[in-house]
Amino acid sequence: MTGFTTRTLRSYIKSGLLKGSCINRKWIFTEEELYQFFSNDFVMEGIVIKCNASVKQFMWSMKRLQPEGCFIYDLPGSKEEVGGAVQKLIVYLKENAINL
C-alpha cells in the first residue's frame, strides 16, 4: 500500500510513528492509526518518492521491445464517475491517435 519495505514499516512502528497492535504475529491497524500515520508529511513525502520511482522505472526500462507509455492522473470521484471518464479518455485517444 505504501511501497515501504517491511523493515522500514517495522522501524516506524518501533519509533512510534506508526501505531498498531500485534495479534498472533500480525500487525493490526485501526482506521484512526492509519489516518494519523498518513497525515504525517514525512510519510507522505516517502510515499510520493516511492510512487515516482515506480513510474520512472517503468518509463526508463530498457527491456521493452515495443514503445510503451504510461499516463497517471489522480482523478477524484466515485468508481462510476472515474470509470466513465477513463472510458471517454480511451475513446478520445483511439480516435485522435497520431502515428509517429
PDB file of N, CA and C in Angstrom:
ATOM      1  N   MET A   1       0.824  -1.199   0.000  1.00  0.00           N
ATOM      2  CA  MET A   1       0.000   0.000   0.000  1.00  0.00           C
ATOM      3  C   MET A   1       0.868   1.262   0.000  1.00  0.00           C
ATOM      4  N   THR A   2       1.968   1.224   0.718  1.00  0.00           N
ATOM      5  CA  THR A   2       2.817   2.404   0.816  1.00  0.00           C
ATOM      6  C   THR A   2       4.039   2.328  -0.081  1.00  0.00           C
ATOM      7  N   GLY A   3       4.463   1.121  -0.411  1.00  0.00           N
ATOM      8  CA  GLY A   3       5.709   0.939  -1.138  1.00  0.00           C
ATOM      9  C   GLY A   3       6.898   0.843  -0.201  1.00  0.00           C
ATOM     10  N   PHE A   4       6.671   1.034   1.095  1.00  0.00           N
ATOM     11  CA  PHE A   4       7.750   0.916   2.068  1.00  0.00           C
ATOM     12  C   PHE A   4       8.082  -0.556   2.297  1.00  0.00           C
ATOM     13  N   THR A   5       9.331  -0.820   2.604  1.00  0.00           N
ATOM     14  CA  THR A   5       9.730  -2.195   2.915  1.00  0.00           C
ATOM     15  C   THR A   5       9.222  -2.574   4.302  1.00  0.00           C
ATOM     16  N   THR A   6       9.182  -3.863   4.555  1.00  0.00           N
ATOM     17  CA  THR A   6       8.785  -4.360   5.877  1.00  0.00           C
ATOM     18  C   THR A   6       9.713  -3.791   6.944  1.00  0.00           C
ATOM     19  N   ARG A   7      10.990  -3.732   6.621  1.00  0.00           N
ATOM     20  CA  ARG A   7      11.969  -3.198   7.570  1.00  0.00           C
ATOM     21  C   ARG A   7      11.663  -1.740   7.923  1.00  0.00           C
ATOM     22  N   THR A   8      11.327  -0.937   6.915  1.00  0.00           N
ATOM     23  CA  THR A   8      11.000   0.471   7.158  1.00  0.00           C
ATOM     24  C   THR A   8       9.749   0.594   8.013  1.00  0.00           C
ATOM     25  N   LEU A   9       8.722  -0.205   7.699  1.00  0.00           N
ATOM     26  CA  LEU A   9       7.487  -0.149   8.492  1.00  0.00           C
ATOM     27  C   LEU A   9       7.742  -0.573   9.932  1.00  0.00           C
ATOM     28  N   ARG A  10       8.562  -1.594  10.122  1.00  0.00           N
ATOM     29  CA  ARG A  10       8.896  -2.017  11.497  1.00  0.00           C
ATOM     30  C   ARG A  10       9.647  -0.917  12.236  1.00  0.00           C
ATOM     31  N   SER A  11      10.496  -0.197  11.521  1.00  0.00           N
ATOM     32  CA  SER A  11      11.214   0.924  12.126  1.00  0.00           C
ATOM     33  C   SER A  11      10.231   2.018  12.544  1.00  0.00           C
ATOM     34  N   TYR A  12       9.230   2.284  11.694  1.00  0.00           N
ATOM     35  CA  TYR A  12       8.205   3.276  12.037  1.00  0.00           C
ATOM     36  C   TYR A  12       7.389   2.832  13.252  1.00  0.00           C
ATOM     37  N   ILE A  13       7.101   1.550  13.342  1.00  0.00           N
ATOM     38  CA  ILE A  13       6.362   1.027  14.496  1.00  0.00           C
ATOM     39  C   ILE A  13       7.211   1.187  15.757  1.00  0.00           C
ATOM     40  N   LYS A  14       8.481   0.806  15.665  1.00  0.00           N
ATOM     41  CA  LYS A  14       9.383   0.880  16.821  1.00  0.00           C
ATOM     42  C   LYS A  14       9.532   2.316  17.321  1.00  0.00           C
ATOM     43  N   SER A  15       9.597   3.274  16.378  1.00  0.00           N
ATOM     44  CA  SER A  15       9.765   4.678  16.764  1.00  0.00           C
ATOM     45  C   SER A  15       8.466   5.322  17.236  1.00  0.00           C
ATOM     46  N   GLY A  16       7.331   4.642  17.010  1.00  0.00           N
ATOM     47  CA  GLY A  16       6.041   5.199  17.419  1.00  0.00           C
ATOM     48  C   GLY A  16       5.359   6.020  16.342  1.00  0.00           C
ATOM     49  N   LEU A  17       6.001   6.152  15.183  1.00  0.00           N
ATOM     50  CA  LEU A  17       5.395   6.895  14.079  1.00  0.00           C
ATOM     51  C   LEU A  17       4.149   6.172  13.562  1.00  0.00           C
ATOM     52  N   LEU A  18       4.214   4.850  13.533  1.00  0.00           N
ATOM     53  CA  LEU A  18       3.069   4.024  13.129  1.00  0.00           C
ATOM     54  C   LEU A  18       2.642   3.214  14.344  1.00  0.00           C
ATOM     55  N   LYS A  19       1.419   3.441  14.773  1.00  0.00           N
ATOM     56  CA  LYS A  19       0.899   2.734  15.948  1.00  0.00           C
ATOM     57  C   LYS A  19      -0.047   1.631  15.488  1.00  0.00           C
ATOM     58  N   GLY A  20      -0.067   0.539  16.241  1.00  0.00           N
ATOM     59  CA  GLY A  20      -0.933  -0.575  15.922  1.00  0.00           C
ATOM     60  C   GLY A  20      -0.822  -1.629  17.018  1.00  0.00           C
ATOM     61  N   SER A  21      -1.445  -2.774  16.789  1.00  0.00           N
ATOM     62  CA  SER A  21      -1.412  -3.874  17.744  1.00  0.00           C
ATOM     63  C   SER A  21      -0.940  -5.130  17.035  1.00  0.00           C
ATOM     64  N   CYS A  22      -0.043  -5.860  17.693  1.00  0.00           N
ATOM     65  CA  CYS A  22       0.439  -7.119  17.140  1.00  0.00           C
ATOM     66  C   CYS A  22      -0.378  -8.250  17.769  1.00  0.00           C
ATOM     67  N   ILE A  23      -1.157  -8.937  16.941  1.00  0.00           N
ATOM     68  CA  ILE A  23      -2.007 -10.029  17.408  1.00  0.00           C
ATOM     69  C   ILE A  23      -1.660 -11.273  16.596  1.00  0.00           C
ATOM     70  N   ASN A  24      -1.253 -12.335  17.297  1.00  0.00           N
ATOM     71  CA  ASN A  24      -0.854 -13.581  16.631  1.00  0.00           C
ATOM     72  C   ASN A  24       0.193 -13.335  15.540  1.00  0.00           C
ATOM     73  N   ARG A  25       1.194 -12.508  15.863  1.00  0.00           N
ATOM     74  CA  ARG A  25       2.307 -12.192  14.957  1.00  0.00           C
ATOM     75  C   ARG A  25       1.885 -11.415  13.709  1.00  0.00           C
ATOM     76  N   LYS A  26       0.688 -10.828  13.729  1.00  0.00           N
ATOM     77  CA  LYS A  26       0.219  -9.988  12.624  1.00  0.00           C
ATOM     78  C   LYS A  26      -0.115  -8.615  13.178  1.00  0.00           C
ATOM     79  N   TRP A  27       0.313  -7.595  12.451  1.00  0.00           N
ATOM     80  CA  TRP A  27       0.024  -6.236  12.879  1.00  0.00           C
ATOM     81  C   TRP A  27      -1.357  -5.812  12.396  1.00  0.00           C
ATOM     82  N   ILE A  28      -2.113  -5.233  13.295  1.00  0.00           N
ATOM     83  CA  ILE A  28      -3.467  -4.745  13.025  1.00  0.00           C
ATOM     84  C   ILE A  28      -3.465  -3.244  13.308  1.00  0.00           C
ATOM     85  N   PHE A  29      -4.024  -2.475  12.359  1.00  0.00           N
ATOM     86  CA  PHE A  29      -4.064  -1.022  12.495  1.00  0.00           C
ATOM     87  C   PHE A  29      -5.504  -0.552  12.360  1.00  0.00           C
ATOM     88  N   THR A  30      -5.895   0.347  13.241  1.00  0.00           N
ATOM     89  CA  THR A  30      -7.233   0.919  13.141  1.00  0.00           C
ATOM     90  C   THR A  30      -7.216   2.008  12.071  1.00  0.00           C
ATOM     91  N   GLU A  31      -8.403   2.404  11.652  1.00  0.00           N
ATOM     92  CA  GLU A  31      -8.528   3.483  10.674  1.00  0.00           C
ATOM     93  C   GLU A  31      -7.895   4.759  11.215  1.00  0.00           C
ATOM     94  N   GLU A  32      -8.112   5.041  12.483  1.00  0.00           N
ATOM     95  CA  GLU A  32      -7.552   6.245  13.106  1.00  0.00           C
ATOM     96  C   GLU A  32      -6.027   6.184  13.143  1.00  0.00           C
ATOM     97  N   GLU A  33      -5.453   5.028  13.456  1.00  0.00           N
ATOM     98  CA  GLU A  33      -3.993   4.884  13.474  1.00  0.00           C
ATOM     99  C   GLU A  33      -3.398   5.097  12.081  1.00  0.00           C
ATOM    100  N   LEU A  34      -4.060   4.566  11.074  1.00  0.00           N
ATOM    101  CA  LEU A  34      -3.588   4.760   9.705  1.00  0.00           C
ATOM    102  C   LEU A  34      -3.744   6.211   9.278  1.00  0.00           C
ATOM    103  N   TYR A  35      -4.834   6.841   9.676  1.00  0.00           N
ATOM    104  CA  TYR A  35      -5.043   8.257   9.353  1.00  0.00           C
ATOM    105  C   TYR A  35      -3.921   9.099   9.945  1.00  0.00           C
ATOM    106  N   GLN A  36      -3.583   8.835  11.206  1.00  0.00           N
ATOM    107  CA  GLN A  36      -2.500   9.578  11.852  1.00  0.00           C
ATOM    108  C   GLN A  36      -1.172   9.339  11.136  1.00  0.00           C
ATOM    109  N   PHE A  37      -0.922   8.112  10.731  1.00  0.00           N
ATOM    110  CA  PHE A  37       0.319   7.772  10.026  1.00  0.00           C
ATOM    111  C   PHE A  37       0.403   8.518   8.693  1.00  0.00           C
ATOM    112  N   PHE A  38      -0.679   8.450   7.914  1.00  0.00           N
ATOM    113  CA  PHE A  38      -0.680   9.074   6.593  1.00  0.00           C
ATOM    114  C   PHE A  38      -0.776  10.597   6.641  1.00  0.00           C
ATOM    115  N   SER A  39      -1.192  11.162   7.761  1.00  0.00           N
ATOM    116  CA  SER A  39      -1.279  12.621   7.867  1.00  0.00           C
ATOM    117  C   SER A  39       0.087  13.234   8.163  1.00  0.00           C
ATOM    118  N   ASN A  40       1.088  12.411   8.399  1.00  0.00           N
ATOM    119  CA  ASN A  40       2.438  12.893   8.651  1.00  0.00           C
ATOM    120  C   ASN A  40       3.110  13.267   7.326  1.00  0.00           C
ATOM    121  N   ASP A  41       3.575  14.500   7.203  1.00  0.00           N
ATOM    122  CA  ASP A  41       4.210  14.970   5.961  1.00  0.00           C
ATOM    123  C   ASP A  41       5.395  14.095   5.566  1.00  0.00           C
ATOM    124  N   PHE A  42       6.182  13.671   6.541  1.00  0.00           N
ATOM    125  CA  PHE A  42       7.349  12.829   6.275  1.00  0.00           C
ATOM    126  C   PHE A  42       6.937  11.527   5.595  1.00  0.00           C
ATOM    127  N   VAL A  43       5.862  10.928   6.061  1.00  0.00           N
ATOM    128  CA  VAL A  43       5.361   9.669   5.490  1.00  0.00           C
ATOM    129  C   VAL A  43       4.875   9.898   4.066  1.00  0.00           C
ATOM    130  N   MET A  44       4.085  10.939   3.857  1.00  0.00           N
ATOM    131  CA  MET A  44       3.543  11.200   2.525  1.00  0.00           C
ATOM    132  C   MET A  44       4.650  11.531   1.517  1.00  0.00           C
ATOM    133  N   GLU A  45       5.683  12.227   1.951  1.00  0.00           N
ATOM    134  CA  GLU A  45       6.814  12.504   1.060  1.00  0.00           C
ATOM    135  C   GLU A  45       7.480  11.195   0.632  1.00  0.00           C
ATOM    136  N   GLY A  46       7.617  10.269   1.575  1.00  0.00           N
ATOM    137  CA  GLY A  46       8.205   8.968   1.262  1.00  0.00           C
ATOM    138  C   GLY A  46       7.363   8.179   0.275  1.00  0.00           C
ATOM    139  N   ILE A  47       6.053   8.244   0.428  1.00  0.00           N
ATOM    140  CA  ILE A  47       5.148   7.535  -0.490  1.00  0.00           C
ATOM    141  C   ILE A  47       5.238   8.140  -1.888  1.00  0.00           C
ATOM    142  N   VAL A  48       5.277   9.455  -1.973  1.00  0.00           N
ATOM    143  CA  VAL A  48       5.405  10.116  -3.274  1.00  0.00           C
ATOM    144  C   VAL A  48       6.720   9.716  -3.941  1.00  0.00           C
ATOM    145  N   ILE A  49       7.798   9.678  -3.175  1.00  0.00           N
ATOM    146  CA  ILE A  49       9.097   9.274  -3.729  1.00  0.00           C
ATOM    147  C   ILE A  49       9.025   7.852  -4.268  1.00  0.00           C
ATOM    148  N   LYS A  50       8.399   6.943  -3.520  1.00  0.00           N
ATOM    149  CA  LYS A  50       8.264   5.546  -3.970  1.00  0.00           C
ATOM    150  C   LYS A  50       7.424   5.466  -5.243  1.00  0.00           C
ATOM    151  N   CYS A  51       6.335   6.204  -5.301  1.00  0.00           N
ATOM    152  CA  CYS A  51       5.486   6.194  -6.497  1.00  0.00           C
ATOM    153  C   CYS A  51       6.231   6.745  -7.703  1.00  0.00           C
ATOM    154  N   ASN A  52       6.936   7.844  -7.510  1.00  0.00           N
ATOM    155  CA  ASN A  52       7.700   8.440  -8.608  1.00  0.00           C
ATOM    156  C   ASN A  52       8.783   7.490  -9.102  1.00  0.00           C
ATOM    157  N   ALA A  53       9.410   6.762  -8.193  1.00  0.00           N
ATOM    158  CA  ALA A  53      10.449   5.809  -8.585  1.00  0.00           C
ATOM    159  C   ALA A  53       9.853   4.683  -9.424  1.00  0.00           C
ATOM    160  N   SER A  54       8.652   4.237  -9.074  1.00  0.00           N
ATOM    161  CA  SER A  54       7.993   3.177  -9.847  1.00  0.00           C
ATOM    162  C   SER A  54       7.676   3.646 -11.257  1.00  0.00           C
ATOM    163  N   VAL A  55       7.184   4.865 -11.381  1.00  0.00           N
ATOM    164  CA  VAL A  55       6.863   5.413 -12.697  1.00  0.00           C
ATOM    165  C   VAL A  55       8.144   5.590 -13.506  1.00  0.00           C
ATOM    166  N   LYS A  56       9.171   6.125 -12.876  1.00  0.00           N
ATOM    167  CA  LYS A  56      10.442   6.327 -13.574  1.00  0.00           C
ATOM    168  C   LYS A  56      11.015   4.990 -14.047  1.00  0.00           C
ATOM    169  N   GLN A  57      10.944   3.979 -13.203  1.00  0.00           N
ATOM    170  CA  GLN A  57      11.441   2.656 -13.587  1.00  0.00           C
ATOM    171  C   GLN A  57      10.655   2.127 -14.791  1.00  0.00           C
ATOM    172  N   PHE A  58       9.358   2.306 -14.775  1.00  0.00           N
ATOM    173  CA  PHE A  58       8.533   1.873 -15.911  1.00  0.00           C
ATOM    174  C   PHE A  58       8.927   2.605 -17.187  1.00  0.00           C
ATOM    175  N   MET A  59       9.060   3.904 -17.085  1.00  0.00           N
ATOM    176  CA  MET A  59       9.322   4.716 -18.270  1.00  0.00           C
ATOM    177  C   MET A  59      10.724   4.508 -18.833  1.00  0.00           C
ATOM    178  N   TRP A  60      11.693   4.193 -18.004  1.00  0.00           N
ATOM    179  CA  TRP A  60      13.075   4.086 -18.453  1.00  0.00           C
ATOM    180  C   TRP A  60      13.549   2.650 -18.609  1.00  0.00           C
ATOM    181  N   SER A  61      12.655   1.698 -18.467  1.00  0.00           N
ATOM    182  CA  SER A  61      13.049   0.302 -18.598  1.00  0.00           C
ATOM    183  C   SER A  61      13.605   0.040 -19.997  1.00  0.00           C
ATOM    184  N   MET A  62      14.755  -0.574 -20.061  1.00  0.00           N
ATOM    185  CA  MET A  62      15.399  -0.860 -21.351  1.00  0.00           C
ATOM    186  C   MET A  62      14.970  -2.218 -21.903  1.00  0.00           C
ATOM    187  N   LYS A  63      14.153  -2.943 -21.197  1.00  0.00           N
ATOM    188  CA  LYS A  63      13.757  -4.279 -21.617  1.00  0.00           C
ATOM    189  C   LYS A  63      12.530  -4.272 -22.517  1.00  0.00           C
ATOM    190  N   ARG A  64      12.019  -3.138 -22.853  1.00  0.00           N
ATOM    191  CA  ARG A  64      10.821  -3.032 -23.672  1.00  0.00           C
ATOM    192  C   ARG A  64      11.166  -3.300 -25.134  1.00  0.00           C
ATOM    193  N   LEU A  65      10.430  -4.196 -25.760  1.00  0.00           N
ATOM    194  CA  LEU A  65      10.649  -4.498 -27.171  1.00  0.00           C
ATOM    195  C   LEU A  65       9.894  -3.526 -28.066  1.00  0.00           C
ATOM    196  N   GLN A  66       8.786  -3.013 -27.563  1.00  0.00           N
ATOM    197  CA  GLN A  66       7.980  -2.064 -28.312  1.00  0.00           C
ATOM    198  C   GLN A  66       7.787  -0.815 -27.465  1.00  0.00           C
ATOM    199  N   PRO A  67       7.604   0.325 -28.111  1.00  0.00           N
ATOM    200  CA  PRO A  67       7.363   1.548 -27.335  1.00  0.00           C
ATOM    201  C   PRO A  67       6.092   1.408 -26.487  1.00  0.00           C
ATOM    202  N   GLU A  68       6.162   1.875 -25.292  1.00  0.00           N
ATOM    203  CA  GLU A  68       5.007   1.858 -24.398  1.00  0.00           C
ATOM    204  C   GLU A  68       4.938   3.195 -23.695  1.00  0.00           C
ATOM    205  N   GLY A  69       3.807   3.486 -23.161  1.00  0.00           N
ATOM    206  CA  GLY A  69       3.633   4.729 -22.437  1.00  0.00           C
ATOM    207  C   GLY A  69       2.824   4.508 -21.179  1.00  0.00           C
ATOM    208  N   CYS A  70       2.823   5.500 -20.361  1.00  0.00           N
ATOM    209  CA  CYS A  70       2.106   5.416 -19.093  1.00  0.00           C
ATOM    210  C   CYS A  70       1.479   6.773 -18.827  1.00  0.00           C
ATOM    211  N   PHE A  71       0.210   6.779 -18.469  1.00  0.00           N
ATOM    212  CA  PHE A  71      -0.495   8.007 -18.155  1.00  0.00           C
ATOM    213  C   PHE A  71      -1.036   7.860 -16.743  1.00  0.00           C
ATOM    214  N   ILE A  72      -0.636   8.752 -15.863  1.00  0.00           N
ATOM    215  CA  ILE A  72      -1.092   8.693 -14.478  1.00  0.00           C
ATOM    216  C   ILE A  72      -1.762  10.017 -14.143  1.00  0.00           C
ATOM    217  N   TYR A  73      -2.989   9.921 -13.671  1.00  0.00           N
ATOM    218  CA  TYR A  73      -3.719  11.114 -13.277  1.00  0.00           C
ATOM    219  C   TYR A  73      -4.607  10.751 -12.099  1.00  0.00           C
ATOM    220  N   ASP A  74      -4.466  11.459 -11.026  1.00  0.00           N
ATOM    221  CA  ASP A  74      -5.257  11.195  -9.830  1.00  0.00           C
ATOM    222  C   ASP A  74      -6.591  11.913  -9.982  1.00  0.00           C
ATOM    223  N   LEU A  75      -7.630  11.160 -10.303  1.00  0.00           N
ATOM    224  CA  LEU A  75      -8.939  11.726 -10.586  1.00  0.00           C
ATOM    225  C   LEU A  75      -9.903  11.393  -9.454  1.00  0.00           C
ATOM    226  N   PRO A  76     -10.276  12.369  -8.663  1.00  0.00           N
ATOM    227  CA  PRO A  76     -11.219  12.103  -7.571  1.00  0.00           C
ATOM    228  C   PRO A  76     -12.626  11.856  -8.106  1.00  0.00           C
ATOM    229  N   GLY A  77     -13.376  11.070  -7.402  1.00  0.00           N
ATOM    230  CA  GLY A  77     -14.765  10.805  -7.780  1.00  0.00           C
ATOM    231  C   GLY A  77     -15.151   9.390  -7.430  1.00  0.00           C
ATOM    232  N   SER A  78     -16.402   9.064  -7.685  1.00  0.00           N
ATOM    233  CA  SER A  78     -16.885   7.716  -7.409  1.00  0.00           C
ATOM    234  C   SER A  78     -16.311   6.746  -8.438  1.00  0.00           C
ATOM    235  N   LYS A  79     -16.446   5.474  -8.162  1.00  0.00           N
ATOM    236  CA  LYS A  79     -15.956   4.447  -9.084  1.00  0.00           C
ATOM    237  C   LYS A  79     -16.617   4.602 -10.456  1.00  0.00           C
ATOM    238  N   GLU A  80     -17.900   4.901 -10.462  1.00  0.00           N
ATOM    239  CA  GLU A  80     -18.636   5.063 -11.714  1.00  0.00           C
ATOM    240  C   GLU A  80     -18.157   6.302 -12.480  1.00  0.00           C
ATOM    241  N   GLU A  81     -17.970   7.417 -11.756  1.00  0.00           N
ATOM    242  CA  GLU A  81     -17.514   8.647 -12.400  1.00  0.00           C
ATOM    243  C   GLU A  81     -16.124   8.473 -13.009  1.00  0.00           C
ATOM    244  N   VAL A  82     -15.222   7.899 -12.227  1.00  0.00           N
ATOM    245  CA  VAL A  82     -13.854   7.699 -12.705  1.00  0.00           C
ATOM    246  C   VAL A  82     -13.841   6.709 -13.866  1.00  0.00           C
ATOM    247  N   GLY A  83     -14.611   5.623 -13.744  1.00  0.00           N
ATOM    248  CA  GLY A  83     -14.683   4.631 -14.824  1.00  0.00           C
ATOM    249  C   GLY A  83     -15.191   5.243 -16.113  1.00  0.00           C
ATOM    250  N   GLY A  84     -16.205   6.089 -16.021  1.00  0.00           N
ATOM    251  CA  GLY A  84     -16.746   6.754 -17.204  1.00  0.00           C
ATOM    252  C   GLY A  84     -15.736   7.696 -17.828  1.00  0.00           C
ATOM    253  N   ALA A  85     -15.013   8.432 -16.992  1.00  0.00           N
ATOM    254  CA  ALA A  85     -14.001   9.359 -17.501  1.00  0.00           C
ATOM    255  C   ALA A  85     -12.861   8.598 -18.184  1.00  0.00           C
ATOM    256  N   VAL A  86     -12.474   7.489 -17.615  1.00  0.00           N
ATOM    257  CA  VAL A  86     -11.403   6.679 -18.210  1.00  0.00           C
ATOM    258  C   VAL A  86     -11.843   6.143 -19.569  1.00  0.00           C
ATOM    259  N   GLN A  87     -13.074   5.671 -19.667  1.00  0.00           N
ATOM    260  CA  GLN A  87     -13.569   5.150 -20.948  1.00  0.00           C
ATOM    261  C   GLN A  87     -13.599   6.261 -22.010  1.00  0.00           C
ATOM    262  N   LYS A  88     -14.032   7.461 -21.629  1.00  0.00           N
ATOM    263  CA  LYS A  88     -14.041   8.585 -22.566  1.00  0.00           C
ATOM    264  C   LYS A  88     -12.627   8.923 -23.019  1.00  0.00           C
ATOM    265  N   LEU A  89     -11.674   8.876 -22.093  1.00  0.00           N
ATOM    266  CA  LEU A  89     -10.287   9.157 -22.440  1.00  0.00           C
ATOM    267  C   LEU A  89      -9.741   8.115 -23.415  1.00  0.00           C
ATOM    268  N   ILE A  90     -10.054   6.856 -23.193  1.00  0.00           N
ATOM    269  CA  ILE A  90      -9.600   5.790 -24.090  1.00  0.00           C
ATOM    270  C   ILE A  90     -10.158   6.000 -25.493  1.00  0.00           C
ATOM    271  N   VAL A  91     -11.447   6.301 -25.587  1.00  0.00           N
ATOM    272  CA  VAL A  91     -12.071   6.546 -26.893  1.00  0.00           C
ATOM    273  C   VAL A  91     -11.405   7.742 -27.565  1.00  0.00           C
ATOM    274  N   TYR A  92     -11.203   8.816 -26.826  1.00  0.00           N
ATOM    275  CA  TYR A  92     -10.575  10.013 -27.380  1.00  0.00           C
ATOM    276  C   TYR A  92      -9.176   9.700 -27.906  1.00  0.00           C
ATOM    277  N   LEU A  93      -8.393   8.985 -27.110  1.00  0.00           N
ATOM    278  CA  LEU A  93      -7.023   8.662 -27.533  1.00  0.00           C
ATOM    279  C   LEU A  93      -7.008   7.783 -28.775  1.00  0.00           C
ATOM    280  N   LYS A  94      -7.932   6.829 -28.865  1.00  0.00           N
ATOM    281  CA  LYS A  94      -8.005   5.975 -30.053  1.00  0.00           C
ATOM    282  C   LYS A  94      -8.425   6.766 -31.274  1.00  0.00           C
ATOM    283  N   GLU A  95      -9.372   7.675 -31.117  1.00  0.00           N
ATOM    284  CA  GLU A  95      -9.862   8.460 -32.249  1.00  0.00           C
ATOM    285  C   GLU A  95      -8.870   9.523 -32.706  1.00  0.00           C
ATOM    286  N   ASN A  96      -8.010   9.961 -31.825  1.00  0.00           N
ATOM    287  CA  ASN A  96      -7.078  11.046 -32.142  1.00  0.00           C
ATOM    288  C   ASN A  96      -5.623  10.605 -32.128  1.00  0.00           C
ATOM    289  N   ALA A  97      -5.394   9.313 -32.255  1.00  0.00           N
ATOM    290  CA  ALA A  97      -4.021   8.803 -32.235  1.00  0.00           C
ATOM    291  C   ALA A  97      -3.237   9.345 -33.420  1.00  0.00           C
ATOM    292  N   ILE A  98      -2.005   9.709 -33.127  1.00  0.00           N
ATOM    293  CA  ILE A  98      -1.107  10.199 -34.170  1.00  0.00           C
ATOM    294  C   ILE A  98      -0.059   9.129 -34.418  1.00  0.00           C
ATOM    295  N   ASN A  99       0.089   8.699 -35.643  1.00  0.00           N
ATOM    296  CA  ASN A  99       1.117   7.717 -35.965  1.00  0.00           C
ATOM    297  C   ASN A  99       2.465   8.411 -36.039  1.00  0.00           C
ATOM    298  N   LEU A 100       3.382   7.961 -35.231  1.00  0.00           N
ATOM    299  CA  LEU A 100       4.722   8.566 -35.195  1.00  0.00           C
ATOM    300  C   LEU A 100       5.670   7.767 -36.056  1.00  0.00           C
TER     301      LEU A 100
END
